[in-house]
N, C-alpha and C. Protein backbone atom coordinates (compact mmCIF):
# COMPACT_ATOMS: atom_id res chain seq x y z
N MET A 1 0.83 -1.17 0.00
CA MET A 1 0.00 0.00 0.00
C MET A 1 0.89 1.24 0.00
N THR A 2 0.57 2.19 -0.85
CA THR A 2 1.34 3.43 -0.95
C THR A 2 0.58 4.56 -0.27
N LEU A 3 1.23 5.25 0.66
CA LEU A 3 0.62 6.39 1.32
C LEU A 3 0.83 7.65 0.50
N LEU A 4 -0.19 8.47 0.40
CA LEU A 4 -0.03 9.78 -0.21
C LEU A 4 0.80 10.63 0.73
N SER A 5 1.51 11.60 0.21
CA SER A 5 2.43 12.37 1.04
C SER A 5 1.75 13.08 2.19
N ASN A 6 0.53 13.55 2.03
CA ASN A 6 -0.15 14.26 3.10
C ASN A 6 -1.45 13.57 3.49
N ALA A 7 -1.56 12.27 3.27
CA ALA A 7 -2.77 11.53 3.61
C ALA A 7 -2.93 11.45 5.12
N PRO A 8 -4.15 11.57 5.63
CA PRO A 8 -4.36 11.46 7.07
C PRO A 8 -4.15 10.02 7.54
N THR A 9 -3.67 9.88 8.77
CA THR A 9 -3.46 8.56 9.37
C THR A 9 -4.09 8.56 10.76
N HIS A 10 -4.15 7.40 11.39
CA HIS A 10 -4.70 7.25 12.75
C HIS A 10 -6.12 7.83 12.84
N LEU A 11 -6.97 7.48 11.88
CA LEU A 11 -8.34 7.98 11.85
C LEU A 11 -9.14 7.40 13.02
N LYS A 12 -9.87 8.24 13.74
CA LYS A 12 -10.67 7.80 14.88
C LYS A 12 -12.00 8.55 14.93
N CYS A 13 -13.00 7.87 15.47
CA CYS A 13 -14.30 8.47 15.76
C CYS A 13 -14.65 8.08 17.18
N GLU A 14 -14.95 9.06 18.02
CA GLU A 14 -15.22 8.81 19.44
C GLU A 14 -14.08 8.05 20.09
N SER A 15 -12.85 8.37 19.72
CA SER A 15 -11.61 7.78 20.24
C SER A 15 -11.43 6.30 19.91
N LEU A 16 -12.20 5.78 18.95
CA LEU A 16 -12.11 4.39 18.54
C LEU A 16 -11.69 4.30 17.07
N THR A 17 -10.94 3.26 16.73
CA THR A 17 -10.48 3.12 15.34
C THR A 17 -11.36 2.21 14.50
N ASN A 18 -12.01 1.23 15.08
CA ASN A 18 -12.82 0.27 14.31
C ASN A 18 -14.22 0.15 14.89
N LEU A 19 -14.96 1.24 14.95
CA LEU A 19 -16.27 1.15 15.55
C LEU A 19 -17.32 0.73 14.54
N ILE A 20 -18.38 0.13 15.02
CA ILE A 20 -19.48 -0.32 14.16
C ILE A 20 -20.61 0.70 14.17
N GLY A 21 -20.85 1.31 15.29
CA GLY A 21 -21.90 2.33 15.40
C GLY A 21 -21.54 3.31 16.50
N ILE A 22 -22.22 4.43 16.50
CA ILE A 22 -21.97 5.43 17.54
C ILE A 22 -23.28 5.79 18.22
N GLY A 23 -23.23 6.20 19.46
CA GLY A 23 -24.42 6.51 20.22
C GLY A 23 -24.61 7.98 20.48
N THR A 24 -24.10 8.82 19.60
CA THR A 24 -24.25 10.26 19.78
C THR A 24 -24.56 10.92 18.44
N SER A 25 -25.28 12.02 18.50
CA SER A 25 -25.60 12.75 17.26
C SER A 25 -24.52 13.77 16.91
N THR A 26 -23.54 13.96 17.81
CA THR A 26 -22.44 14.89 17.56
C THR A 26 -21.10 14.19 17.86
N PRO A 27 -20.70 13.26 17.01
CA PRO A 27 -19.48 12.50 17.26
C PRO A 27 -18.22 13.35 17.10
N SER A 28 -17.16 12.96 17.80
CA SER A 28 -15.87 13.62 17.64
C SER A 28 -14.99 12.79 16.72
N PHE A 29 -14.24 13.44 15.87
CA PHE A 29 -13.34 12.79 14.93
C PHE A 29 -11.92 13.29 15.19
N SER A 30 -10.95 12.42 14.95
CA SER A 30 -9.55 12.85 15.06
C SER A 30 -8.70 12.09 14.05
N TRP A 31 -7.56 12.69 13.69
CA TRP A 31 -6.62 12.10 12.73
C TRP A 31 -5.29 12.82 12.87
N ARG A 32 -4.29 12.24 12.23
CA ARG A 32 -2.96 12.87 12.18
C ARG A 32 -2.64 13.16 10.72
N VAL A 33 -2.00 14.27 10.49
CA VAL A 33 -1.58 14.62 9.13
C VAL A 33 -0.22 13.98 8.89
N ASN A 34 -0.11 13.23 7.79
CA ASN A 34 1.13 12.55 7.44
C ASN A 34 1.96 13.48 6.58
N GLY A 35 3.08 13.92 7.07
CA GLY A 35 3.95 14.80 6.30
C GLY A 35 5.29 14.91 6.98
N SER A 36 6.35 14.92 6.21
CA SER A 36 7.68 14.94 6.80
C SER A 36 8.41 16.27 6.59
N GLY A 37 7.86 17.14 5.78
CA GLY A 37 8.53 18.41 5.52
C GLY A 37 8.29 19.42 6.63
N ARG A 38 9.14 20.39 6.68
CA ARG A 38 9.00 21.45 7.68
C ARG A 38 7.77 22.30 7.36
N GLY A 39 6.98 22.61 8.37
CA GLY A 39 5.82 23.46 8.20
C GLY A 39 4.61 22.77 7.59
N VAL A 40 4.61 21.45 7.52
CA VAL A 40 3.45 20.73 6.97
C VAL A 40 2.29 20.88 7.93
N ARG A 41 1.14 21.34 7.42
CA ARG A 41 -0.04 21.44 8.25
C ARG A 41 -1.29 21.32 7.40
N GLN A 42 -2.38 21.08 8.05
CA GLN A 42 -3.65 20.89 7.38
C GLN A 42 -4.31 22.24 7.17
N SER A 43 -4.89 22.45 5.98
CA SER A 43 -5.56 23.72 5.71
C SER A 43 -7.07 23.56 5.53
N ALA A 44 -7.56 22.33 5.34
CA ALA A 44 -8.99 22.08 5.16
C ALA A 44 -9.28 20.60 5.38
N TYR A 45 -10.55 20.27 5.53
CA TYR A 45 -10.96 18.87 5.61
C TYR A 45 -12.36 18.73 5.05
N ARG A 46 -12.72 17.51 4.68
CA ARG A 46 -14.06 17.19 4.21
C ARG A 46 -14.43 15.82 4.75
N ALA A 47 -15.58 15.71 5.35
CA ALA A 47 -16.05 14.44 5.91
C ALA A 47 -17.25 13.95 5.12
N ASN A 48 -17.26 12.68 4.76
CA ASN A 48 -18.37 12.05 4.05
C ASN A 48 -18.84 10.86 4.86
N TRP A 49 -20.14 10.71 5.03
CA TRP A 49 -20.68 9.55 5.74
C TRP A 49 -22.08 9.27 5.24
N SER A 50 -22.59 8.11 5.61
CA SER A 50 -23.94 7.74 5.23
C SER A 50 -24.67 7.19 6.44
N VAL A 51 -25.96 7.27 6.37
CA VAL A 51 -26.81 6.82 7.49
C VAL A 51 -27.53 5.57 7.10
């Protein structure tokens, strides 16, 4: 598997990595930005999900 240079890693929802469902209408999401260069940071995000 090839990682994109700035692909997010360590994706989590409600502090879990492999959840099946969530019990809240306002879940928290977290991730790490993968980048090795100086000053690499995230400038935007987009979340897609289905119900």
